[in-house]
């Protein structure tokens, strides 16, 4: 990425946090029992909140506020009859990548795979792992 794009993205994210738009979105909490990756950012296992804001941005944050990542997401059809929130991870060997987030009676979002994930996917057979939210 070029430097100008990174500066513009940083300014946009700063404005997003300053206006408090994350406080108004859909929110889930889950205990994730394995290390996982969102985009190119590796996150340790633990308790996390996942929040949707501005219709397409996901904030994934650890409950102790030590780890956080922001990811753009794409709309997808929500699963039928979903009674509780759900996080789905693509599994490649011992690596897990956040793939989809679904809210009960709400939206479902897909996290686009990063170049890193696509490279790992070529090397391993894939599987899916679901984590129920609380």
C-alpha atoms as a PDB file:
ATOM      1  CA  UNK A   1       0.000   0.000   0.000  1.00  0.00           C
ATOM      2  CA  UNK A   2       1.234   3.450  -0.676  1.00  0.00           C
ATOM      3  CA  UNK A   3       1.921   5.968   2.096  1.00  0.00           C
ATOM      4  CA  UNK A   4      -0.879   8.360   1.060  1.00  0.00           C
ATOM      5  CA  UNK A   5      -3.480   5.592   1.294  1.00  0.00           C
ATOM      6  CA  UNK A   6      -2.262   4.577   4.766  1.00  0.00           C
ATOM      7  CA  UNK A   7      -2.428   8.178   5.997  1.00  0.00           C
ATOM      8  CA  UNK A   8      -5.965   8.594   4.608  1.00  0.00           C
ATOM      9  CA  UNK A   9      -7.054   5.281   6.161  1.00  0.00           C
ATOM     10  CA  UNK A  10      -5.593   6.297   9.531  1.00  0.00           C
ATOM     11  CA  UNK A  11      -7.467   9.596   9.412  1.00  0.00           C
ATOM     12  CA  UNK A  12     -10.725   7.838   8.531  1.00  0.00           C
ATOM     13  CA  UNK A  13     -10.333   5.380  11.398  1.00  0.00           C
ATOM     14  CA  UNK A  14      -9.526   8.206  13.829  1.00  0.00           C
ATOM     15  CA  UNK A  15     -12.714  10.000  12.768  1.00  0.00           C
ATOM     16  CA  UNK A  16     -14.712   6.809  13.181  1.00  0.00           C
ATOM     17  CA  UNK A  17     -13.525   6.370  16.760  1.00  0.00           C
ATOM     18  CA  UNK A  18     -13.921  10.072  17.555  1.00  0.00           C
ATOM     19  CA  UNK A  19     -17.563  10.127  16.477  1.00  0.00           C
ATOM     20  CA  UNK A  20     -18.439   7.050  18.523  1.00  0.00           C
ATOM     21  CA  UNK A  21     -20.047   5.137  15.671  1.00  0.00           C
ATOM     22  CA  UNK A  22     -18.774   1.828  17.038  1.00  0.00           C
ATOM     23  CA  UNK A  23     -20.929   2.273  20.144  1.00  0.00           C
ATOM     24  CA  UNK A  24     -24.100   2.101  18.058  1.00  0.00           C
ATOM     25  CA  UNK A  25     -23.568  -1.077  15.997  1.00  0.00           C
ATOM     26  CA  UNK A  26     -24.460  -4.748  16.362  1.00  0.00           C
ATOM     27  CA  UNK A  27     -22.335  -6.456  19.033  1.00  0.00           C
ATOM     28  CA  UNK A  28     -21.450 -10.066  19.956  1.00  0.00           C
ATOM     29  CA  UNK A  29     -19.253 -11.588  22.661  1.00  0.00           C
ATOM     30  CA  UNK A  30     -17.468 -14.928  22.357  1.00  0.00           C
ATOM     31  CA  UNK A  31     -14.761 -17.010  23.968  1.00  0.00           C
ATOM     32  CA  UNK A  32     -12.396 -18.020  21.152  1.00  0.00           C
ATOM     33  CA  UNK A  33     -10.356 -21.058  22.276  1.00  0.00           C
ATOM     34  CA  UNK A  34      -7.567 -20.754  19.703  1.00  0.00           C
ATOM     35  CA  UNK A  35      -5.259 -18.120  18.213  1.00  0.00           C
ATOM     36  CA  UNK A  36      -6.744 -16.670  15.033  1.00  0.00           C
ATOM     37  CA  UNK A  37      -6.048 -14.147  12.294  1.00  0.00           C
ATOM     38  CA  UNK A  38      -8.142 -11.276  10.960  1.00  0.00           C
ATOM     39  CA  UNK A  39      -6.678  -9.955   7.724  1.00  0.00           C
ATOM     40  CA  UNK A  40      -2.955 -10.002   8.472  1.00  0.00           C
ATOM     41  CA  UNK A  41      -3.286  -9.496  12.240  1.00  0.00           C
ATOM     42  CA  UNK A  42      -2.766 -12.474  14.551  1.00  0.00           C
ATOM     43  CA  UNK A  43      -4.917 -12.462  17.684  1.00  0.00           C
ATOM     44  CA  UNK A  44      -4.432 -14.672  20.761  1.00  0.00           C
ATOM     45  CA  UNK A  45      -7.176 -16.920  22.099  1.00  0.00           C
ATOM     46  CA  UNK A  46      -9.490 -15.369  24.650  1.00  0.00           C
ATOM     47  CA  UNK A  47     -12.725 -13.468  25.171  1.00  0.00           C
ATOM     48  CA  UNK A  48     -13.621 -11.037  22.385  1.00  0.00           C
ATOM     49  CA  UNK A  49     -16.364  -8.693  21.305  1.00  0.00           C
ATOM     50  CA  UNK A  50     -17.209  -8.284  17.639  1.00  0.00           C
ATOM     51  CA  UNK A  51     -19.068  -5.150  16.662  1.00  0.00           C
ATOM     52  CA  UNK A  52     -20.497  -4.036  13.323  1.00  0.00           C
ATOM     53  CA  UNK A  53     -20.616  -0.346  12.587  1.00  0.00           C
ATOM     54  CA  UNK A  54     -21.244   1.887   9.605  1.00  0.00           C
ATOM     55  CA  UNK A  55     -22.783  -1.116   7.871  1.00  0.00           C
ATOM     56  CA  UNK A  56     -19.516  -2.749   6.835  1.00  0.00           C
ATOM     57  CA  UNK A  57     -16.764  -2.249   9.411  1.00  0.00           C
ATOM     58  CA  UNK A  58     -16.050  -4.880  12.061  1.00  0.00           C
ATOM     59  CA  UNK A  59     -14.204  -4.104  15.284  1.00  0.00           C
ATOM     60  CA  UNK A  60     -12.795  -7.244  16.924  1.00  0.00           C
ATOM     61  CA  UNK A  61     -11.511  -6.434  20.413  1.00  0.00           C
ATOM     62  CA  UNK A  62     -10.278  -8.534  23.333  1.00  0.00           C
ATOM     63  CA  UNK A  63     -12.124  -8.098  26.617  1.00  0.00           C
ATOM     64  CA  UNK A  64      -8.928  -6.850  28.274  1.00  0.00           C
ATOM     65  CA  UNK A  65      -8.509  -4.191  25.522  1.00  0.00           C
ATOM     66  CA  UNK A  66      -4.976  -5.411  24.757  1.00  0.00           C
ATOM     67  CA  UNK A  67      -5.787  -6.660  21.257  1.00  0.00           C
ATOM     68  CA  UNK A  68      -8.003  -5.119  18.604  1.00  0.00           C
ATOM     69  CA  UNK A  69      -8.339  -5.105  14.845  1.00  0.00           C
ATOM     70  CA  UNK A  70     -10.650  -3.361  12.396  1.00  0.00           C
ATOM     71  CA  UNK A  71     -11.738  -5.137   9.237  1.00  0.00           C
ATOM     72  CA  UNK A  72     -13.978  -4.262   6.345  1.00  0.00           C
ATOM     73  CA  UNK A  73     -16.616  -6.878   5.579  1.00  0.00           C
ATOM     74  CA  UNK A  74     -19.083  -7.808   2.877  1.00  0.00           C
ATOM     75  CA  UNK A  75     -22.798  -8.450   3.272  1.00  0.00           C
ATOM     76  CA  UNK A  76     -23.991 -12.034   3.006  1.00  0.00           C
ATOM     77  CA  UNK A  77     -27.270 -13.886   3.424  1.00  0.00           C
ATOM     78  CA  UNK A  78     -27.866 -14.654   7.100  1.00  0.00           C
ATOM     79  CA  UNK A  79     -28.314 -18.296   8.132  1.00  0.00           C
ATOM     80  CA  UNK A  80     -31.920 -19.373   8.614  1.00  0.00           C
ATOM     81  CA  UNK A  81     -33.317 -19.688  12.125  1.00  0.00           C
ATOM     82  CA  UNK A  82     -30.137 -18.511  13.840  1.00  0.00           C
ATOM     83  CA  UNK A  83     -30.888 -18.421  17.580  1.00  0.00           C
ATOM     84  CA  UNK A  84     -27.547 -17.084  18.783  1.00  0.00           C
ATOM     85  CA  UNK A  85     -24.663 -15.234  17.194  1.00  0.00           C
ATOM     86  CA  UNK A  86     -22.031 -17.196  15.352  1.00  0.00           C
ATOM     87  CA  UNK A  87     -18.414 -16.678  14.326  1.00  0.00           C
ATOM     88  CA  UNK A  88     -17.076 -18.976  11.618  1.00  0.00           C
ATOM     89  CA  UNK A  89     -13.355 -19.459  11.012  1.00  0.00           C
ATOM     90  CA  UNK A  90     -11.558 -20.984   8.038  1.00  0.00           C
ATOM     91  CA  UNK A  91      -9.148 -23.606   9.391  1.00  0.00           C
ATOM     92  CA  UNK A  92      -5.914 -24.499   7.594  1.00  0.00           C
ATOM     93  CA  UNK A  93      -3.858 -26.900   9.673  1.00  0.00           C
ATOM     94  CA  UNK A  94      -3.409 -25.124  13.021  1.00  0.00           C
ATOM     95  CA  UNK A  95      -4.213 -21.648  11.629  1.00  0.00           C
ATOM     96  CA  UNK A  96      -7.636 -20.069  11.934  1.00  0.00           C
ATOM     97  CA  UNK A  97      -8.921 -17.058   9.988  1.00  0.00           C
ATOM     98  CA  UNK A  98     -12.132 -15.201  10.847  1.00  0.00           C
ATOM     99  CA  UNK A  99     -14.475 -15.809   7.924  1.00  0.00           C
ATOM    100  CA  UNK A 100     -18.048 -14.818   8.839  1.00  0.00           C
ATOM    101  CA  UNK A 101     -19.960 -13.146  11.654  1.00  0.00           C
ATOM    102  CA  UNK A 102     -23.732 -13.593  12.066  1.00  0.00           C
ATOM    103  CA  UNK A 103     -26.126 -11.965  14.521  1.00  0.00           C
ATOM    104  CA  UNK A 104     -29.434 -13.611  15.489  1.00  0.00           C
ATOM    105  CA  UNK A 105     -32.291 -11.807  13.719  1.00  0.00           C
ATOM    106  CA  UNK A 106     -29.675  -9.496  12.279  1.00  0.00           C
ATOM    107  CA  UNK A 107     -27.029  -9.120   9.631  1.00  0.00           C
ATOM    108  CA  UNK A 108     -24.332 -11.532   8.518  1.00  0.00           C
ATOM    109  CA  UNK A 109     -20.958 -10.324   7.323  1.00  0.00           C
ATOM    110  CA  UNK A 110     -18.084 -12.013   5.495  1.00  0.00           C
ATOM    111  CA  UNK A 111     -14.462 -10.997   6.073  1.00  0.00           C
ATOM    112  CA  UNK A 112     -12.624 -11.027   2.722  1.00  0.00           C
ATOM    113  CA  UNK A 113      -9.588 -13.339   2.792  1.00  0.00           C
ATOM    114  CA  UNK A 114      -6.225 -11.588   2.934  1.00  0.00           C
ATOM    115  CA  UNK A 115      -3.328 -12.405   0.614  1.00  0.00           C
ATOM    116  CA  UNK A 116      -1.755 -14.206   3.573  1.00  0.00           C
ATOM    117  CA  UNK A 117      -4.843 -16.395   4.036  1.00  0.00           C
ATOM    118  CA  UNK A 118      -5.029 -17.168   0.324  1.00  0.00           C
ATOM    119  CA  UNK A 119      -1.372 -18.252   0.370  1.00  0.00           C
ATOM    120  CA  UNK A 120      -1.949 -20.512   3.410  1.00  0.00           C
ATOM    121  CA  UNK A 121      -5.110 -21.945   1.789  1.00  0.00           C
ATOM    122  CA  UNK A 122      -3.087 -23.143  -1.201  1.00  0.00           C
ATOM    123  CA  UNK A 123      -0.853 -25.165   1.128  1.00  0.00           C
ATOM    124  CA  UNK A 124      -3.561 -26.836   3.264  1.00  0.00           C
ATOM    125  CA  UNK A 125      -6.924 -28.507   2.972  1.00  0.00           C
ATOM    126  CA  UNK A 126      -9.496 -26.239   4.506  1.00  0.00           C
ATOM    127  CA  UNK A 127     -12.201 -26.720   7.065  1.00  0.00           C
ATOM    128  CA  UNK A 128     -14.643 -24.577   8.989  1.00  0.00           C
ATOM    129  CA  UNK A 129     -14.814 -24.024  12.740  1.00  0.00           C
ATOM    130  CA  UNK A 130     -17.808 -22.368  14.398  1.00  0.00           C
ATOM    131  CA  UNK A 131     -17.726 -20.499  17.685  1.00  0.00           C
ATOM    132  CA  UNK A 132     -21.065 -19.707  19.343  1.00  0.00           C
ATOM    133  CA  UNK A 133     -21.457 -16.344  21.005  1.00  0.00           C
ATOM    134  CA  UNK A 134     -22.833 -15.576  24.444  1.00  0.00           C
END
